[in-house]
C-alpha cells in the first residue's frame, strides 16, 4: 500500500491541474466472494482493483479504478443521477486522502 500512495497523489495532483475542484482517493474494502461450510468455515474475499480516485468537476465525476501499485487501469465520466447509483454500487470504502483546488 505504501508504494501506491505516491502514484495516487500524483494522479490526484494531475486532476487538480486539469480543472477538478476536489479529488478524493478511496480504498475499497474487500468483499466476501465465496463461502464454504455450514458456519462459513472458509471465506474467500478480495477485490481486483482496490483503489478508487474520484475527481469532482463542474457537471461530472471522473472516476479512476487503480490497481495495487496505484496505476490507473480504467477511467470513466459519470454524470447526473448516475453519480449516486455509482457510489452506492461501490460498497464500503475508506477515504485515504483528498485534495482541494485553491
N, C-alpha and C. Protein backbone atom coordinates (compact mmCIF):
# COMPACT_ATOMS: atom_id res chain seq x y z
N UNK A 1 0.82 -1.19 0.00
CA UNK A 1 0.00 0.00 0.00
C UNK A 1 0.87 1.26 0.00
N UNK A 2 1.97 1.23 0.70
CA UNK A 2 2.81 2.42 0.79
C UNK A 2 3.37 2.83 -0.57
N UNK A 3 3.67 1.85 -1.41
CA UNK A 3 4.22 2.19 -2.72
C UNK A 3 3.15 2.76 -3.65
N UNK A 4 1.89 2.52 -3.36
CA UNK A 4 0.81 3.02 -4.20
C UNK A 4 0.47 4.48 -3.89
N UNK A 5 0.68 4.92 -2.67
CA UNK A 5 0.28 6.27 -2.25
C UNK A 5 0.95 7.37 -3.10
N UNK A 6 2.25 7.33 -3.36
CA UNK A 6 2.84 8.40 -4.19
C UNK A 6 2.24 8.48 -5.59
N UNK A 7 1.95 7.35 -6.19
CA UNK A 7 1.33 7.36 -7.52
C UNK A 7 -0.09 7.90 -7.47
N UNK A 8 -0.82 7.55 -6.43
CA UNK A 8 -2.18 8.06 -6.28
C UNK A 8 -2.18 9.57 -6.05
N UNK A 9 -1.21 10.07 -5.27
CA UNK A 9 -1.11 11.51 -5.04
C UNK A 9 -0.76 12.24 -6.34
N UNK A 10 0.10 11.64 -7.14
CA UNK A 10 0.46 12.24 -8.43
C UNK A 10 -0.75 12.32 -9.35
N UNK A 11 -1.55 11.27 -9.40
CA UNK A 11 -2.77 11.27 -10.21
C UNK A 11 -3.75 12.33 -9.71
N UNK A 12 -3.86 12.47 -8.39
CA UNK A 12 -4.76 13.47 -7.81
C UNK A 12 -4.30 14.88 -8.16
N UNK A 13 -3.00 15.13 -8.09
CA UNK A 13 -2.48 16.45 -8.45
C UNK A 13 -2.72 16.77 -9.92
N UNK A 14 -2.54 15.77 -10.79
CA UNK A 14 -2.79 15.96 -12.23
C UNK A 14 -4.25 16.34 -12.48
N UNK A 15 -5.16 15.72 -11.77
CA UNK A 15 -6.58 16.03 -11.94
C UNK A 15 -6.91 17.43 -11.44
N UNK A 16 -6.28 17.88 -10.37
CA UNK A 16 -6.48 19.24 -9.89
C UNK A 16 -5.99 20.24 -10.94
N UNK A 17 -4.84 19.94 -11.57
CA UNK A 17 -4.31 20.81 -12.62
C UNK A 17 -5.22 20.84 -13.84
N UNK A 18 -5.94 19.77 -14.10
CA UNK A 18 -6.85 19.70 -15.25
C UNK A 18 -8.17 20.41 -15.00
N UNK A 19 -8.42 20.85 -13.77
CA UNK A 19 -9.62 21.61 -13.50
C UNK A 19 -10.59 21.01 -12.50
N UNK A 20 -10.24 19.94 -11.86
CA UNK A 20 -11.12 19.35 -10.84
C UNK A 20 -11.11 20.23 -9.60
N UNK A 21 -12.25 20.37 -8.95
CA UNK A 21 -12.33 21.17 -7.72
C UNK A 21 -11.98 20.35 -6.48
N UNK A 22 -12.23 19.06 -6.53
CA UNK A 22 -11.95 18.17 -5.41
C UNK A 22 -11.57 16.80 -5.96
N UNK A 23 -10.54 16.21 -5.39
CA UNK A 23 -10.15 14.84 -5.75
C UNK A 23 -10.06 14.03 -4.47
N UNK A 24 -10.79 12.93 -4.41
CA UNK A 24 -10.80 12.06 -3.23
C UNK A 24 -10.31 10.67 -3.64
N UNK A 25 -9.44 10.10 -2.82
CA UNK A 25 -8.89 8.77 -3.08
C UNK A 25 -9.40 7.82 -2.01
N UNK A 26 -10.00 6.71 -2.45
CA UNK A 26 -10.60 5.73 -1.54
C UNK A 26 -9.92 4.38 -1.67
N UNK A 27 -9.92 3.64 -0.59
CA UNK A 27 -9.51 2.23 -0.61
C UNK A 27 -10.79 1.43 -0.48
N UNK A 28 -11.06 0.61 -1.48
CA UNK A 28 -12.27 -0.20 -1.49
C UNK A 28 -12.05 -1.42 -0.62
N UNK A 29 -12.97 -1.66 0.31
CA UNK A 29 -12.85 -2.80 1.21
C UNK A 29 -13.06 -4.11 0.46
N UNK A 30 -12.44 -5.14 0.98
CA UNK A 30 -12.60 -6.46 0.38
C UNK A 30 -14.00 -6.97 0.62
N UNK A 31 -14.52 -7.66 -0.37
CA UNK A 31 -15.85 -8.26 -0.26
C UNK A 31 -15.72 -9.76 -0.20
N UNK A 32 -16.65 -10.41 0.49
CA UNK A 32 -16.66 -11.86 0.52
C UNK A 32 -17.19 -12.36 -0.81
N UNK A 33 -16.34 -13.10 -1.52
CA UNK A 33 -16.71 -13.60 -2.83
C UNK A 33 -17.35 -14.97 -2.78
N UNK A 34 -16.92 -15.79 -1.80
CA UNK A 34 -17.44 -17.16 -1.74
C UNK A 34 -17.27 -17.67 -0.31
N UNK A 35 -18.24 -18.45 0.16
CA UNK A 35 -18.14 -19.08 1.47
C UNK A 35 -18.40 -20.58 1.32
N UNK A 36 -17.81 -21.35 2.21
CA UNK A 36 -17.99 -22.80 2.21
C UNK A 36 -18.24 -23.26 3.64
N UNK A 37 -19.12 -24.21 3.83
CA UNK A 37 -19.39 -24.76 5.16
C UNK A 37 -20.69 -24.23 5.73
N UNK A 38 -21.18 -24.95 6.76
CA UNK A 38 -22.44 -24.57 7.37
C UNK A 38 -22.33 -23.27 8.16
N UNK A 39 -21.21 -23.04 8.79
CA UNK A 39 -21.00 -21.82 9.56
C UNK A 39 -20.05 -20.86 8.84
N UNK A 40 -20.04 -20.84 7.56
CA UNK A 40 -18.97 -20.35 6.69
C UNK A 40 -17.58 -20.49 7.31
N UNK A 41 -17.06 -21.73 7.33
CA UNK A 41 -15.73 -22.01 7.85
C UNK A 41 -14.66 -21.37 6.96
N UNK A 42 -14.90 -21.35 5.69
CA UNK A 42 -13.93 -20.83 4.74
C UNK A 42 -14.54 -19.63 4.02
N UNK A 43 -13.86 -18.52 4.08
CA UNK A 43 -14.31 -17.32 3.37
C UNK A 43 -13.21 -16.88 2.42
N UNK A 44 -13.58 -16.68 1.19
CA UNK A 44 -12.65 -16.18 0.20
C UNK A 44 -13.08 -14.76 -0.12
N UNK A 45 -12.19 -13.81 0.15
CA UNK A 45 -12.55 -12.42 -0.09
C UNK A 45 -11.45 -11.74 -0.89
N UNK A 46 -11.80 -10.64 -1.51
CA UNK A 46 -10.83 -9.90 -2.28
C UNK A 46 -11.49 -8.88 -3.16
N UNK A 47 -10.65 -8.12 -3.82
CA UNK A 47 -11.11 -7.16 -4.81
C UNK A 47 -10.01 -7.03 -5.86
N UNK A 48 -10.40 -6.89 -7.10
CA UNK A 48 -9.43 -6.83 -8.18
C UNK A 48 -8.73 -5.47 -8.23
N UNK A 49 -9.49 -4.40 -8.04
CA UNK A 49 -8.93 -3.05 -8.11
C UNK A 49 -9.22 -2.33 -6.80
N UNK A 50 -8.25 -2.26 -5.90
CA UNK A 50 -8.51 -1.79 -4.54
C UNK A 50 -8.60 -0.28 -4.35
N UNK A 51 -8.17 0.53 -5.32
CA UNK A 51 -8.18 1.97 -5.14
C UNK A 51 -9.13 2.65 -6.11
N UNK A 52 -9.77 3.70 -5.64
CA UNK A 52 -10.74 4.45 -6.42
C UNK A 52 -10.40 5.93 -6.27
N UNK A 53 -10.20 6.61 -7.40
CA UNK A 53 -9.90 8.04 -7.40
C UNK A 53 -11.08 8.76 -8.03
N UNK A 54 -11.70 9.67 -7.30
CA UNK A 54 -12.87 10.42 -7.79
C UNK A 54 -12.51 11.89 -7.90
N UNK A 55 -12.59 12.43 -9.12
CA UNK A 55 -12.31 13.83 -9.37
C UNK A 55 -13.63 14.54 -9.67
N UNK A 56 -13.98 15.51 -8.83
CA UNK A 56 -15.24 16.24 -8.97
C UNK A 56 -14.99 17.45 -9.87
N UNK A 57 -15.71 17.50 -10.97
CA UNK A 57 -15.64 18.65 -11.87
C UNK A 57 -16.98 19.36 -11.83
N UNK A 58 -17.16 20.38 -12.67
CA UNK A 58 -18.38 21.20 -12.62
C UNK A 58 -19.65 20.37 -12.74
N UNK A 59 -19.76 19.56 -13.77
CA UNK A 59 -21.01 18.84 -14.01
C UNK A 59 -20.84 17.32 -14.05
N UNK A 60 -19.67 16.83 -13.67
CA UNK A 60 -19.45 15.40 -13.76
C UNK A 60 -18.46 14.92 -12.71
N UNK A 61 -18.39 13.63 -12.59
CA UNK A 61 -17.46 12.98 -11.68
C UNK A 61 -16.58 12.08 -12.54
N UNK A 62 -15.27 12.29 -12.50
CA UNK A 62 -14.32 11.45 -13.23
C UNK A 62 -13.83 10.40 -12.25
N UNK A 63 -13.99 9.13 -12.60
CA UNK A 63 -13.65 8.03 -11.71
C UNK A 63 -12.55 7.18 -12.33
N UNK A 64 -11.50 6.95 -11.58
CA UNK A 64 -10.42 6.07 -11.99
C UNK A 64 -10.38 4.86 -11.07
N UNK A 65 -10.24 3.68 -11.64
CA UNK A 65 -10.01 2.46 -10.87
C UNK A 65 -8.52 2.15 -10.97
N UNK A 66 -7.87 1.98 -9.82
CA UNK A 66 -6.42 1.79 -9.79
C UNK A 66 -6.07 0.44 -9.18
N UNK A 67 -4.96 -0.13 -9.63
CA UNK A 67 -4.52 -1.44 -9.14
C UNK A 67 -3.70 -1.29 -7.86
N UNK A 68 -3.13 -2.39 -7.39
CA UNK A 68 -2.38 -2.42 -6.13
C UNK A 68 -1.18 -1.48 -6.14
N UNK A 69 -0.60 -1.24 -7.33
CA UNK A 69 0.57 -0.37 -7.43
C UNK A 69 0.18 1.10 -7.55
N UNK A 70 -1.11 1.40 -7.65
CA UNK A 70 -1.56 2.77 -7.76
C UNK A 70 -1.68 3.28 -9.19
N UNK A 71 -1.54 2.39 -10.17
CA UNK A 71 -1.66 2.77 -11.58
C UNK A 71 -3.12 2.78 -12.00
N UNK A 72 -3.52 3.80 -12.73
CA UNK A 72 -4.91 3.89 -13.22
C UNK A 72 -5.11 2.84 -14.31
N UNK A 73 -6.05 1.94 -14.08
CA UNK A 73 -6.34 0.88 -15.03
C UNK A 73 -7.48 1.29 -15.95
N UNK A 74 -8.45 2.01 -15.40
CA UNK A 74 -9.62 2.40 -16.17
C UNK A 74 -10.16 3.71 -15.64
N UNK A 75 -10.78 4.48 -16.51
CA UNK A 75 -11.37 5.75 -16.10
C UNK A 75 -12.68 5.97 -16.84
N UNK A 76 -13.61 6.66 -16.19
CA UNK A 76 -14.91 6.91 -16.81
C UNK A 76 -15.52 8.17 -16.23
N UNK A 77 -16.35 8.85 -17.02
CA UNK A 77 -17.08 10.02 -16.56
C UNK A 77 -18.48 9.60 -16.16
N UNK A 78 -18.94 10.09 -15.02
CA UNK A 78 -20.28 9.79 -14.52
C UNK A 78 -20.99 11.12 -14.33
N UNK A 79 -22.24 11.22 -14.82
CA UNK A 79 -22.98 12.48 -14.74
C UNK A 79 -24.33 12.30 -14.08
N UNK A 80 -24.84 13.39 -13.52
CA UNK A 80 -26.21 13.46 -13.00
C UNK A 80 -26.54 12.44 -11.93
N UNK A 81 -27.71 11.82 -12.08
CA UNK A 81 -28.20 10.86 -11.08
C UNK A 81 -27.35 9.59 -11.04
N UNK A 82 -26.60 9.32 -12.08
CA UNK A 82 -25.77 8.12 -12.12
C UNK A 82 -24.67 8.17 -11.06
N UNK A 83 -24.30 9.38 -10.61
CA UNK A 83 -23.26 9.52 -9.59
C UNK A 83 -23.68 8.81 -8.30
N UNK A 84 -24.91 9.04 -7.87
CA UNK A 84 -25.39 8.41 -6.62
C UNK A 84 -25.49 6.90 -6.78
N UNK A 85 -25.97 6.43 -7.93
CA UNK A 85 -26.06 4.99 -8.18
C UNK A 85 -24.67 4.36 -8.17
N UNK A 86 -23.71 5.06 -8.76
CA UNK A 86 -22.34 4.55 -8.82
C UNK A 86 -21.76 4.43 -7.42
N UNK A 87 -21.94 5.47 -6.60
CA UNK A 87 -21.37 5.46 -5.25
C UNK A 87 -22.02 4.38 -4.38
N UNK A 88 -23.31 4.12 -4.57
CA UNK A 88 -23.98 3.05 -3.82
C UNK A 88 -23.45 1.68 -4.25
N UNK A 89 -23.14 1.54 -5.52
CA UNK A 89 -22.68 0.27 -6.06
C UNK A 89 -21.28 -0.11 -5.62
N UNK A 90 -20.50 0.86 -5.20
CA UNK A 90 -19.13 0.59 -4.78
C UNK A 90 -19.09 -0.25 -3.52
N UNK A 91 -20.00 0.02 -2.63
CA UNK A 91 -19.99 -0.68 -1.35
C UNK A 91 -19.20 0.11 -0.33
N UNK A 92 -18.66 -0.58 0.65
CA UNK A 92 -17.94 0.13 1.70
C UNK A 92 -16.52 0.44 1.24
N UNK A 93 -16.09 1.64 1.55
CA UNK A 93 -14.75 2.06 1.21
C UNK A 93 -14.27 3.08 2.25
N UNK A 94 -12.98 3.31 2.25
CA UNK A 94 -12.38 4.19 3.27
C UNK A 94 -11.62 5.31 2.56
N UNK A 95 -11.81 6.53 2.99
CA UNK A 95 -11.12 7.68 2.42
C UNK A 95 -9.65 7.66 2.87
N UNK A 96 -8.74 7.65 1.89
CA UNK A 96 -7.31 7.72 2.22
C UNK A 96 -6.86 9.17 2.36
N UNK A 97 -7.19 9.98 1.34
CA UNK A 97 -6.87 11.41 1.39
C UNK A 97 -7.68 12.13 0.32
N UNK A 98 -7.72 13.46 0.44
CA UNK A 98 -8.40 14.26 -0.57
C UNK A 98 -7.63 15.56 -0.78
N UNK A 99 -7.74 16.11 -1.99
CA UNK A 99 -7.09 17.37 -2.34
C UNK A 99 -8.15 18.32 -2.87
N UNK A 100 -8.05 19.60 -2.49
CA UNK A 100 -8.96 20.63 -2.97
C UNK A 100 -8.18 21.66 -3.78
N UNK A 101 -8.86 22.21 -4.76
CA UNK A 101 -8.26 23.27 -5.55
C UNK A 101 -8.27 24.56 -4.73
N UNK A 102 -7.16 25.28 -4.77
CA UNK A 102 -7.14 26.57 -4.08
C UNK A 102 -6.18 26.59 -3.02
